[in-house]
C-alpha atoms as a PDB file:
ATOM      1  CA  MET A   1      -0.499  -0.184   0.088  1.00  0.00           C
ATOM      2  CA  ILE A   2       2.853   2.103   0.838  1.00  0.00           C
ATOM      3  CA  PHE A   3       4.702   1.468  -2.203  1.00  0.00           C
ATOM      4  CA  ARG A   4       1.329   2.390  -4.456  1.00  0.00           C
ATOM      5  CA  PHE A   5       1.023   5.608  -2.539  1.00  0.00           C
ATOM      6  CA  SER A   6       4.527   6.691  -3.118  1.00  0.00           C
ATOM      7  CA  PHE A   7       4.751   5.441  -6.615  1.00  0.00           C
ATOM      8  CA  PHE A   8       1.580   7.621  -7.259  1.00  0.00           C
ATOM      9  CA  ILE A   9       3.136  10.897  -5.402  1.00  0.00           C
ATOM     10  CA  SER A  10       6.154  10.250  -7.861  1.00  0.00           C
ATOM     11  CA  CYS A  11       4.002  10.148 -10.936  1.00  0.00           C
ATOM     12  CA  LEU A  12       2.344  13.672  -9.809  1.00  0.00           C
ATOM     13  CA  ILE A  13       5.743  15.361  -9.214  1.00  0.00           C
ATOM     14  CA  ILE A  14       6.817  14.243 -12.530  1.00  0.00           C
ATOM     15  CA  PHE A  15       3.811  15.074 -13.719  1.00  0.00           C
ATOM     16  CA  SER A  16       3.565  18.600 -12.167  1.00  0.00           C
ATOM     17  CA  LEU A  17       7.513  18.782 -13.793  1.00  0.00           C
ATOM     18  CA  ASN A  18       6.257  17.878 -17.385  1.00  0.00           C
ATOM     19  CA  ILE A  19       3.827  20.497 -17.783  1.00  0.00           C
ATOM     20  CA  GLN A  20       6.387  22.995 -15.839  1.00  0.00           C
ATOM     21  CA  ILE A  21       9.107  22.366 -18.460  1.00  0.00           C
ATOM     22  CA  MET A  22       6.669  22.576 -20.852  1.00  0.00           C
ATOM     23  CA  ASP A  23       5.303  25.862 -20.220  1.00  0.00           C
ATOM     24  CA  ALA A  24       8.770  27.330 -19.748  1.00  0.00           C
ATOM     25  CA  GLN A  25       9.138  26.042 -23.756  1.00  0.00           C
ATOM     26  CA  HIS A  26       6.591  28.281 -24.515  1.00  0.00           C
ATOM     27  CA  LYS A  27       8.039  31.647 -25.662  1.00  0.00           C
ATOM     28  CA  ALA A  28       5.589  33.873 -27.473  1.00  0.00           C
ATOM     29  CA  ALA A  29       6.948  36.041 -29.489  1.00  0.00           C
ATOM     30  CA  TYR A  30       4.403  38.016 -30.032  1.00  0.00           C
ATOM     31  CA  GLN A  31       0.478  38.603 -28.591  1.00  0.00           C
ATOM     32  CA  LEU A  32      -2.184  40.884 -29.838  1.00  0.00           C
ATOM     33  CA  PHE A  33      -4.803  42.564 -27.690  1.00  0.00           C
ATOM     34  CA  ASP A  34      -7.799  44.296 -28.601  1.00  0.00           C
ATOM     35  CA  THR A  35      -7.497  48.368 -26.476  1.00  0.00           C
ATOM     36  CA  ASP A  36      -8.867  46.799 -23.185  1.00  0.00           C
ATOM     37  CA  GLY A  37      -6.069  44.347 -22.614  1.00  0.00           C
ATOM     38  CA  ASN A  38      -8.190  40.698 -24.270  1.00  0.00           C
ATOM     39  CA  SER A  39      -6.276  38.331 -26.412  1.00  0.00           C
ATOM     40  CA  VAL A  40      -7.330  38.405 -29.534  1.00  0.00           C
ATOM     41  CA  GLU A  41      -6.422  36.458 -32.753  1.00  0.00           C
ATOM     42  CA  TYR A  42      -4.925  38.191 -36.280  1.00  0.00           C
ATOM     43  CA  GLY A  43      -7.883  37.029 -37.866  1.00  0.00           C
ATOM     44  CA  GLU A  44      -9.949  39.412 -35.472  1.00  0.00           C
ATOM     45  CA  LEU A  45      -7.650  42.211 -36.424  1.00  0.00           C
ATOM     46  CA  LEU A  46      -8.024  41.825 -39.979  1.00  0.00           C
ATOM     47  CA  LYS A  47     -12.052  41.665 -40.150  1.00  0.00           C
ATOM     48  CA  SER A  48     -11.913  45.096 -38.727  1.00  0.00           C
ATOM     49  CA  ALA A  49      -9.488  46.497 -41.161  1.00  0.00           C
ATOM     50  CA  ALA A  50     -11.619  44.784 -43.901  1.00  0.00           C
ATOM     51  CA  GLU A  51     -13.901  47.567 -42.498  1.00  0.00           C
ATOM     52  CA  ALA A  52     -11.688  50.582 -42.352  1.00  0.00           C
ATOM     53  CA  ASP A  53     -11.034  53.771 -44.682  1.00  0.00           C
ATOM     54  CA  VAL A  54      -7.347  54.264 -42.618  1.00  0.00           C
ATOM     55  CA  ILE A  55      -5.202  51.580 -41.493  1.00  0.00           C
ATOM     56  CA  PHE A  56      -2.832  52.825 -39.175  1.00  0.00           C
ATOM     57  CA  PHE A  57       0.550  50.314 -38.243  1.00  0.00           C
ATOM     58  CA  GLY A  58       3.207  51.526 -35.725  1.00  0.00           C
ATOM     59  CA  GLU A  59       5.772  49.956 -35.694  1.00  0.00           C
ATOM     60  CA  PHE A  60       9.055  50.146 -33.857  1.00  0.00           C
ATOM     61  CA  HIS A  61      11.364  50.975 -36.650  1.00  0.00           C
ATOM     62  CA  ASP A  62      14.078  48.080 -35.822  1.00  0.00           C
ATOM     63  CA  ASN A  63      11.657  45.274 -34.708  1.00  0.00           C
ATOM     64  CA  PRO A  64      11.907  42.195 -36.866  1.00  0.00           C
ATOM     65  CA  ILE A  65       7.719  40.932 -35.173  1.00  0.00           C
ATOM     66  CA  CYS A  66       6.278  44.469 -36.540  1.00  0.00           C
ATOM     67  CA  HIS A  67       8.178  43.980 -40.164  1.00  0.00           C
ATOM     68  CA  TRP A  68       7.174  40.701 -40.500  1.00  0.00           C
ATOM     69  CA  LEU A  69       3.357  41.146 -39.664  1.00  0.00           C
ATOM     70  CA  GLN A  70       3.497  44.387 -41.627  1.00  0.00           C
ATOM     71  CA  TYR A  71       3.933  42.450 -44.889  1.00  0.00           C
ATOM     72  CA  GLU A  72       1.550  39.972 -43.793  1.00  0.00           C
ATOM     73  CA  LEU A  73      -1.065  42.493 -43.179  1.00  0.00           C
ATOM     74  CA  LEU A  74       0.411  44.075 -46.428  1.00  0.00           C
ATOM     75  CA  THR A  75      -0.343  40.929 -48.507  1.00  0.00           C
ATOM     76  CA  ASP A  76      -4.322  40.340 -46.755  1.00  0.00           C
ATOM     77  CA  LEU A  77      -5.303  43.410 -47.571  1.00  0.00           C
ATOM     78  CA  PHE A  78      -4.001  43.504 -51.123  1.00  0.00           C
ATOM     79  CA  ASN A  79      -5.963  40.086 -51.316  1.00  0.00           C
ATOM     80  CA  GLU A  80      -8.958  42.200 -49.789  1.00  0.00           C
ATOM     81  CA  PHE A  81      -8.929  45.249 -51.578  1.00  0.00           C
ATOM     82  CA  GLY A  82      -7.079  44.842 -54.683  1.00  0.00           C
ATOM     83  CA  GLU A  83      -7.108  47.926 -56.720  1.00  0.00           C
ATOM     84  CA  ARG A  84      -8.310  50.098 -53.904  1.00  0.00           C
ATOM     85  CA  LEU A  85      -5.387  49.933 -52.374  1.00  0.00           C
ATOM     86  CA  VAL A  86      -3.042  52.281 -51.484  1.00  0.00           C
ATOM     87  CA  PHE A  87      -0.038  52.047 -49.211  1.00  0.00           C
ATOM     88  CA  GLY A  88       2.357  54.737 -47.517  1.00  0.00           C
ATOM     89  CA  GLY A  89       4.833  55.190 -44.727  1.00  0.00           C
ATOM     90  CA  GLU A  90       6.651  57.488 -42.793  1.00  0.00           C
ATOM     91  CA  PHE A  91       9.972  56.040 -44.077  1.00  0.00           C
ATOM     92  CA  PHE A  92      10.209  57.538 -47.166  1.00  0.00           C
ATOM     93  CA  GLU A  93      10.170  61.605 -47.419  1.00  0.00           C
ATOM     94  CA  ALA A  94       8.064  63.333 -49.648  1.00  0.00           C
ATOM     95  CA  ASP A  95      10.725  64.870 -51.914  1.00  0.00           C
ATOM     96  CA  ASP A  96      11.551  61.721 -53.144  1.00  0.00           C
ATOM     97  CA  GLN A  97       7.697  60.679 -54.420  1.00  0.00           C
ATOM     98  CA  MET A  98       8.839  61.444 -58.215  1.00  0.00           C
ATOM     99  CA  LYS A  99      11.813  58.803 -57.772  1.00  0.00           C
ATOM    100  CA  ILE A 100       9.100  56.620 -56.219  1.00  0.00           C
ATOM    101  CA  ASP A 101       6.530  57.511 -58.865  1.00  0.00           C
ATOM    102  CA  GLU A 102       9.347  56.649 -61.996  1.00  0.00           C
ATOM    103  CA  TYR A 103      10.517  53.350 -60.201  1.00  0.00           C
ATOM    104  CA  PHE A 104       6.764  52.107 -60.294  1.00  0.00           C
ATOM    105  CA  ALA A 105       6.284  52.696 -63.605  1.00  0.00           C
ATOM    106  CA  ASP A 106       9.464  51.039 -64.630  1.00  0.00           C
ATOM    107  CA  ILE A 107      11.169  54.526 -66.096  1.00  0.00           C
ATOM    108  CA  VAL A 108      14.273  54.061 -63.979  1.00  0.00           C
ATOM    109  CA  SER A 109      15.866  51.298 -63.183  1.00  0.00           C
ATOM    110  CA  GLN A 110      16.029  49.320 -59.193  1.00  0.00           C
ATOM    111  CA  ASN A 111      19.816  50.199 -59.050  1.00  0.00           C
ATOM    112  CA  ASN A 112      19.394  53.684 -59.607  1.00  0.00           C
ATOM    113  CA  PHE A 113      16.081  54.312 -57.494  1.00  0.00           C
ATOM    114  CA  GLU A 114      18.075  52.575 -54.510  1.00  0.00           C
ATOM    115  CA  ASN A 115      21.113  54.797 -55.223  1.00  0.00           C
ATOM    116  CA  GLU A 116      19.240  58.419 -55.432  1.00  0.00           C
ATOM    117  CA  ALA A 117      16.426  57.346 -53.254  1.00  0.00           C
ATOM    118  CA  ARG A 118      17.164  58.386 -49.179  1.00  0.00           C
ATOM    119  CA  PHE A 119      16.645  55.225 -47.620  1.00  0.00           C
ATOM    120  CA  TRP A 120      16.570  54.562 -44.075  1.00  0.00           C
ATOM    121  CA  ASN A 121      19.870  52.073 -43.260  1.00  0.00           C
ATOM    122  CA  ASN A 122      17.435  49.538 -42.686  1.00  0.00           C
ATOM    123  CA  TYR A 123      15.329  49.593 -45.606  1.00  0.00           C
ATOM    124  CA  LYS A 124      16.576  46.097 -47.286  1.00  0.00           C
ATOM    125  CA  THR A 125      16.216  44.479 -44.507  1.00  0.00           C
ATOM    126  CA  ASP A 126      13.102  45.765 -43.110  1.00  0.00           C
ATOM    127  CA  TYR A 127      10.898  47.992 -46.000  1.00  0.00           C
ATOM    128  CA  LYS A 128      12.540  46.640 -49.542  1.00  0.00           C
ATOM    129  CA  ARG A 129      10.320  43.630 -49.972  1.00  0.00           C
ATOM    130  CA  MET A 130       7.070  45.851 -48.654  1.00  0.00           C
ATOM    131  CA  VAL A 131       7.780  48.431 -51.280  1.00  0.00           C
ATOM    132  CA  GLU A 132       8.652  44.952 -54.009  1.00  0.00           C
ATOM    133  CA  PHE A 133       5.661  43.357 -53.495  1.00  0.00           C
ATOM    134  CA  ALA A 134       3.441  47.113 -54.116  1.00  0.00           C
ATOM    135  CA  LYS A 135       5.224  47.974 -57.259  1.00  0.00           C
ATOM    136  CA  SER A 136       4.843  44.186 -58.485  1.00  0.00           C
ATOM    137  CA  ASN A 137       0.980  44.477 -57.560  1.00  0.00           C
ATOM    138  CA  GLY A 138       0.215  47.669 -59.407  1.00  0.00           C
ATOM    139  CA  ILE A 139      -0.004  48.991 -55.386  1.00  0.00           C
ATOM    140  CA  PRO A 140       0.283  52.554 -55.249  1.00  0.00           C
ATOM    141  CA  PHE A 141       2.856  53.621 -52.840  1.00  0.00           C
ATOM    142  CA  VAL A 142       3.117  57.301 -51.080  1.00  0.00           C
ATOM    143  CA  ALA A 143       6.146  58.956 -49.031  1.00  0.00           C
ATOM    144  CA  THR A 144       4.641  60.658 -46.349  1.00  0.00           C
ATOM    145  CA  ASN A 145       6.980  62.858 -43.973  1.00  0.00           C
ATOM    146  CA  VAL A 146       8.182  65.772 -44.044  1.00  0.00           C
ATOM    147  CA  PRO A 147      11.828  66.186 -45.147  1.00  0.00           C
ATOM    148  CA  ARG A 148      13.978  65.532 -42.302  1.00  0.00           C
ATOM    149  CA  ARG A 149      15.513  68.942 -42.810  1.00  0.00           C
ATOM    150  CA  TYR A 150      12.717  70.925 -42.424  1.00  0.00           C
ATOM    151  CA  ALA A 151      11.509  69.585 -39.332  1.00  0.00           C
ATOM    152  CA  ASN A 152      15.691  70.009 -38.015  1.00  0.00           C
ATOM    153  CA  LEU A 153      15.356  73.084 -38.951  1.00  0.00           C
ATOM    154  CA  VAL A 154      11.888  73.404 -36.761  1.00  0.00           C
ATOM    155  CA  PHE A 155      13.880  71.866 -33.708  1.00  0.00           C
ATOM    156  CA  ARG A 156      16.755  74.310 -34.436  1.00  0.00           C
ATOM    157  CA  GLN A 157      15.038  77.717 -35.032  1.00  0.00           C
ATOM    158  CA  GLY A 158      11.477  77.191 -34.418  1.00  0.00           C
ATOM    159  CA  VAL A 159       8.141  77.283 -36.485  1.00  0.00           C
ATOM    160  CA  ASP A 160       8.369  80.368 -37.480  1.00  0.00           C
ATOM    161  CA  ALA A 161      11.805  79.616 -39.460  1.00  0.00           C
ATOM    162  CA  LEU A 162       9.607  77.729 -41.739  1.00  0.00           C
ATOM    163  CA  ASP A 163       9.266  81.262 -43.486  1.00  0.00           C
ATOM    164  CA  GLN A 164      12.345  81.866 -45.157  1.00  0.00           C
ATOM    165  CA  LEU A 165      11.216  78.447 -47.423  1.00  0.00           C
ATOM    166  CA  SER A 166      10.315  78.689 -51.486  1.00  0.00           C
ATOM    167  CA  GLU A 167       7.185  77.866 -52.779  1.00  0.00           C
ATOM    168  CA  GLU A 168       8.744  73.902 -53.806  1.00  0.00           C
ATOM    169  CA  ALA A 169       9.933  73.202 -50.252  1.00  0.00           C
ATOM    170  CA  PHE A 170       6.273  74.079 -49.329  1.00  0.00           C
ATOM    171  CA  SER A 171       4.660  71.309 -51.226  1.00  0.00           C
ATOM    172  CA  TYR A 172       6.660  68.917 -49.694  1.00  0.00           C
ATOM    173  CA  MET A 173       4.765  69.537 -46.160  1.00  0.00           C
ATOM    174  CA  ALA A 174       1.259  70.456 -45.052  1.00  0.00           C
ATOM    175  CA  ASP A 175      -0.432  73.847 -45.131  1.00  0.00           C
ATOM    176  CA  ILE A 176       1.952  76.354 -43.041  1.00  0.00           C
ATOM    177  CA  PRO A 177       0.672  78.099 -39.812  1.00  0.00           C
ATOM    178  CA  PHE A 178      -0.843  74.260 -38.498  1.00  0.00           C
ATOM    179  CA  GLU A 179      -2.281  73.914 -35.230  1.00  0.00           C
ATOM    180  CA  VAL A 180      -0.477  71.927 -32.192  1.00  0.00           C
ATOM    181  CA  ASP A 181      -1.971  70.812 -29.320  1.00  0.00           C
ATOM    182  CA  PHE A 182       0.022  70.868 -26.280  1.00  0.00           C
ATOM    183  CA  GLU A 183      -1.692  68.910 -24.144  1.00  0.00           C
ATOM    184  CA  LEU A 184      -1.798  65.704 -26.412  1.00  0.00           C
ATOM    185  CA  ARG A 185      -0.762  63.308 -23.886  1.00  0.00           C
ATOM    186  CA  SER A 186       2.163  62.727 -26.413  1.00  0.00           C
ATOM    187  CA  TYR A 187       3.710  66.276 -26.962  1.00  0.00           C
ATOM    188  CA  GLN A 188       3.210  66.169 -23.307  1.00  0.00           C
ATOM    189  CA  MET A 189       5.972  63.180 -23.149  1.00  0.00           C
ATOM    190  CA  MET A 190       8.005  65.145 -25.102  1.00  0.00           C
ATOM    191  CA  MET A 191       7.879  68.523 -23.447  1.00  0.00           C
ATOM    192  CA  GLU A 192       8.933  66.540 -20.304  1.00  0.00           C
ATOM    193  CA  MET A 193      11.788  64.875 -21.805  1.00  0.00           C
ATOM    194  CA  ALA A 194      13.552  68.055 -23.751  1.00  0.00           C
ATOM    195  CA  HIS A 195      12.651  70.721 -20.513  1.00  0.00           C
ATOM    196  CA  GLY A 196      14.844  73.741 -21.346  1.00  0.00           C
ATOM    197  CA  GLU A 197      13.677  76.213 -23.908  1.00  0.00           C
ATOM    198  CA  ARG A 198      14.080  73.804 -26.718  1.00  0.00           C
ATOM    199  CA  ALA A 199      11.175  72.087 -25.531  1.00  0.00           C
ATOM    200  CA  LYS A 200       8.173  73.557 -27.620  1.00  0.00           C
ATOM    201  CA  ASN A 201      10.732  73.242 -30.865  1.00  0.00           C
ATOM    202  CA  PHE A 202      10.836  69.698 -30.067  1.00  0.00           C
ATOM    203  CA  VAL A 203       6.974  68.971 -30.582  1.00  0.00           C
ATOM    204  CA  TYR A 204       6.607  71.413 -33.282  1.00  0.00           C
ATOM    205  CA  ALA A 205       9.203  69.255 -34.653  1.00  0.00           C
ATOM    206  CA  GLN A 206       7.614  66.056 -34.176  1.00  0.00           C
ATOM    207  CA  ALA A 207       4.005  68.255 -34.977  1.00  0.00           C
ATOM    208  CA  ILE A 208       5.220  69.079 -38.657  1.00  0.00           C
ATOM    209  CA  LYS A 209       5.619  65.477 -39.297  1.00  0.00           C
ATOM    210  CA  ASP A 210       2.745  64.383 -37.436  1.00  0.00           C
ATOM    211  CA  VAL A 211       0.368  66.906 -39.591  1.00  0.00           C
ATOM    212  CA  THR A 212       2.400  66.614 -42.373  1.00  0.00           C
ATOM    213  CA  MET A 213       2.388  62.612 -43.196  1.00  0.00           C
ATOM    214  CA  ALA A 214      -1.995  63.449 -42.042  1.00  0.00           C
ATOM    215  CA  HIS A 215      -1.393  65.987 -44.939  1.00  0.00           C
ATOM    216  CA  PHE A 216      -0.495  63.482 -48.042  1.00  0.00           C
ATOM    217  CA  ILE A 217      -3.065  59.939 -46.018  1.00  0.00           C
ATOM    218  CA  ASN A 218      -5.642  63.034 -46.719  1.00  0.00           C
ATOM    219  CA  LYS A 219      -4.910  64.063 -50.670  1.00  0.00           C
ATOM    220  CA  ASN A 220      -4.025  60.597 -51.791  1.00  0.00           C
ATOM    221  CA  LEU A 221      -7.229  59.010 -50.320  1.00  0.00           C
ATOM    222  CA  ASN A 222      -9.786  58.985 -52.460  1.00  0.00           C
ATOM    223  CA  GLU A 223     -13.465  57.766 -51.999  1.00  0.00           C
ATOM    224  CA  ASP A 224     -13.861  53.836 -52.056  1.00  0.00           C
ATOM    225  CA  GLN A 225      -9.552  53.706 -51.421  1.00  0.00           C
ATOM    226  CA  VAL A 226      -8.195  52.165 -48.479  1.00  0.00           C
ATOM    227  CA  PHE A 227      -4.857  53.323 -47.525  1.00  0.00           C
ATOM    228  CA  TYR A 228      -2.550  51.736 -45.280  1.00  0.00           C
ATOM    229  CA  HIS A 229       0.218  53.927 -43.299  1.00  0.00           C
ATOM    230  CA  ILE A 230       3.202  52.190 -41.492  1.00  0.00           C
ATOM    231  CA  ASN A 231       4.685  54.486 -38.999  1.00  0.00           C
ATOM    232  CA  GLY A 232       6.681  55.112 -35.826  1.00  0.00           C
ATOM    233  CA  THR A 233       4.078  53.780 -32.701  1.00  0.00           C
ATOM    234  CA  PHE A 234       4.407  57.056 -31.019  1.00  0.00           C
ATOM    235  CA  HIS A 235       3.111  59.264 -34.467  1.00  0.00           C
ATOM    236  CA  THR A 236      -0.122  57.160 -33.452  1.00  0.00           C
ATOM    237  CA  LYS A 237      -0.270  56.188 -29.985  1.00  0.00           C
ATOM    238  CA  TYR A 238      -3.590  56.697 -28.328  1.00  0.00           C
ATOM    239  CA  ASP A 239      -5.215  58.015 -31.895  1.00  0.00           C
ATOM    240  CA  GLU A 240      -3.165  60.668 -31.236  1.00  0.00           C
ATOM    241  CA  GLY A 241      -0.718  62.395 -33.576  1.00  0.00           C
ATOM    242  CA  ILE A 242      -1.234  61.761 -37.196  1.00  0.00           C
ATOM    243  CA  ILE A 243      -4.926  60.065 -36.419  1.00  0.00           C
ATOM    244  CA  TRP A 244      -5.597  63.680 -34.405  1.00  0.00           C
ATOM    245  CA  TYR A 245      -4.398  65.685 -37.217  1.00  0.00           C
ATOM    246  CA  LEU A 246      -6.192  63.482 -39.843  1.00  0.00           C
ATOM    247  CA  LYS A 247      -9.609  63.643 -37.858  1.00  0.00           C
ATOM    248  CA  ARG A 248      -9.622  67.051 -38.088  1.00  0.00           C
ATOM    249  CA  MET A 249      -9.134  66.864 -42.535  1.00  0.00           C
ATOM    250  CA  ARG A 250     -11.925  63.777 -42.623  1.00  0.00           C
ATOM    251  CA  PRO A 251     -13.446  63.378 -39.129  1.00  0.00           C
ATOM    252  CA  GLU A 252     -15.520  60.704 -41.197  1.00  0.00           C
ATOM    253  CA  LEU A 253     -13.015  58.254 -41.686  1.00  0.00           C
ATOM    254  CA  ASN A 254     -13.462  54.805 -40.409  1.00  0.00           C
ATOM    255  CA  ILE A 255      -9.978  54.769 -38.633  1.00  0.00           C
ATOM    256  CA  LEU A 256      -7.947  51.449 -37.459  1.00  0.00           C
ATOM    257  CA  ASN A 257      -4.947  52.047 -35.391  1.00  0.00           C
ATOM    258  CA  ILE A 258      -2.451  49.167 -34.610  1.00  0.00           C
ATOM    259  CA  GLY A 259      -0.110  49.961 -32.225  1.00  0.00           C
ATOM    260  CA  SER A 260       2.966  48.009 -31.136  1.00  0.00           C
ATOM    261  CA  ILE A 261       4.457  48.052 -27.356  1.00  0.00           C
ATOM    262  CA  LEU A 262       7.575  46.134 -25.828  1.00  0.00           C
ATOM    263  CA  VAL A 263       6.527  44.367 -22.438  1.00  0.00           C
ATOM    264  CA  GLY A 264       8.746  41.282 -20.309  1.00  0.00           C
ATOM    265  CA  ASP A 265       5.884  38.921 -21.072  1.00  0.00           C
ATOM    266  CA  ALA A 266       4.019  39.376 -24.600  1.00  0.00           C
ATOM    267  CA  SER A 267       1.404  37.163 -22.901  1.00  0.00           C
ATOM    268  CA  GLU A 268       0.894  39.188 -20.160  1.00  0.00           C
ATOM    269  CA  TRP A 269      -1.853  42.426 -19.927  1.00  0.00           C
ATOM    270  CA  ASP A 270      -0.554  45.243 -18.821  1.00  0.00           C
ATOM    271  CA  ASP A 271      -3.303  48.131 -18.096  1.00  0.00           C
ATOM    272  CA  GLU A 272      -1.652  51.068 -18.565  1.00  0.00           C
ATOM    273  CA  ASN A 273      -1.913  50.123 -22.259  1.00  0.00           C
ATOM    274  CA  GLN A 274      -5.372  50.413 -22.405  1.00  0.00           C
ATOM    275  CA  GLY A 275      -6.747  52.939 -24.903  1.00  0.00           C
ATOM    276  CA  PHE A 276      -3.381  52.838 -26.527  1.00  0.00           C
ATOM    277  CA  ALA A 277      -4.785  51.571 -30.238  1.00  0.00           C
ATOM    278  CA  ASP A 278      -7.246  49.855 -31.478  1.00  0.00           C
ATOM    279  CA  PHE A 279      -4.905  46.281 -31.295  1.00  0.00           C
ATOM    280  CA  ILE A 280      -2.056  46.749 -29.616  1.00  0.00           C
ATOM    281  CA  LEU A 281       0.801  44.402 -30.447  1.00  0.00           C
ATOM    282  CA  ALA A 282       2.598  43.335 -27.416  1.00  0.00           C
ATOM    283  CA  ILE A 283       6.490  42.107 -28.347  1.00  0.00           C
ATOM    284  CA  PRO A 284       9.324  40.892 -25.528  1.00  0.00           C
ATOM    285  CA  GLU A 285      11.350  43.185 -24.827  1.00  0.00           C
ATOM    286  CA  ASN A 286      14.456  41.152 -25.373  1.00  0.00           C
ATOM    287  CA  MET A 287      13.461  40.524 -29.106  1.00  0.00           C
ATOM    288  CA  SER A 288      16.408  40.776 -31.636  1.00  0.00           C
ATOM    289  CA  ARG A 289      16.540  43.935 -33.483  1.00  0.00           C
ATOM    290  CA  SER A 290      17.473  44.531 -37.197  1.00  0.00           C
ATOM    291  CA  TYR A 291      20.077  47.340 -36.407  1.00  0.00           C
END
C-alpha cells in the first residue's frame, strides 16, 4: 500500500514537472490584444481592417516582428481590396515621391532608384520587400513624411523659421501655419523629455511630421480607396499625432489604429496600455533587433 502511494506521488511530481517544462518551452514571440486588454487572434484584426478607410500600423523601426506582421497584413489587405489599396509610410520623405513614381512605372531601374532615393539604414532588411510587393502588384506608394531637414530646421530655430522656405519646399509639407495641441499626452511626454527653451521646438518638429503625414494621406485617399500606412508607434499612440490631424481633415473616416509595445512577457496584459490603440501588438522587450 505504501509502495502504491509513493508511486502515485512520484507520478504526480513528474507530471507537474513536465507541465512546468512545457510552459517554460512556450515563449510567445508576440501577442495581439484589443484596446481593453483582451487577447485576440490575427483574424479579428484583419476583419476590422476590412471595414476601415485608413489602417495605421505603429511600429518600432528596428523590430523584426513588426516588419513581419506588416508584410503579412499588406498581402492580406491586397487580397481583400485589390486595386482599391493605397500604401504609404513614414520611411520615405515627400521629396522622394517622384523617384518612387518613376521606379514603380519602370521608367528608372531598381539600381538607379536605390542609389538615388534616401533610404533609412534598414530599408533593405525591413521595408524593401513591402515596397517591392506594392510595385509588383500595382499598389500606389505614397511618401508621407516631411523632409527631415525641415523638421530639423523647426527644432533648431522654431516653427517661424519655415517662413524663409521656397514655394517648392512648401509642396513637401502640410499647409503652414498648423495647429499644435500641447495638451496631447504624447506631446506632453515630449515636453517632459526635452525641458529647457527648445522643448516647444521639439514638439513642433514632431508635429510637422505628424501633420504632414496626415496631409499626404488625406491628399492621396480618394473615395472607395483604403490607405495602409506604416509609421513609428509614437506618431499614432492613443489616436494622437497623425490620427489627431487626420480626424480634423476628414472626420468621417473610419480609422483603425494598430500600436506596438515592448513588454517583459508578451502574454501578460498591463492595464496601463488600455486605449493605446485599437489593436496592440505586444512584443518581448528582448526580441532581436534588425539594427
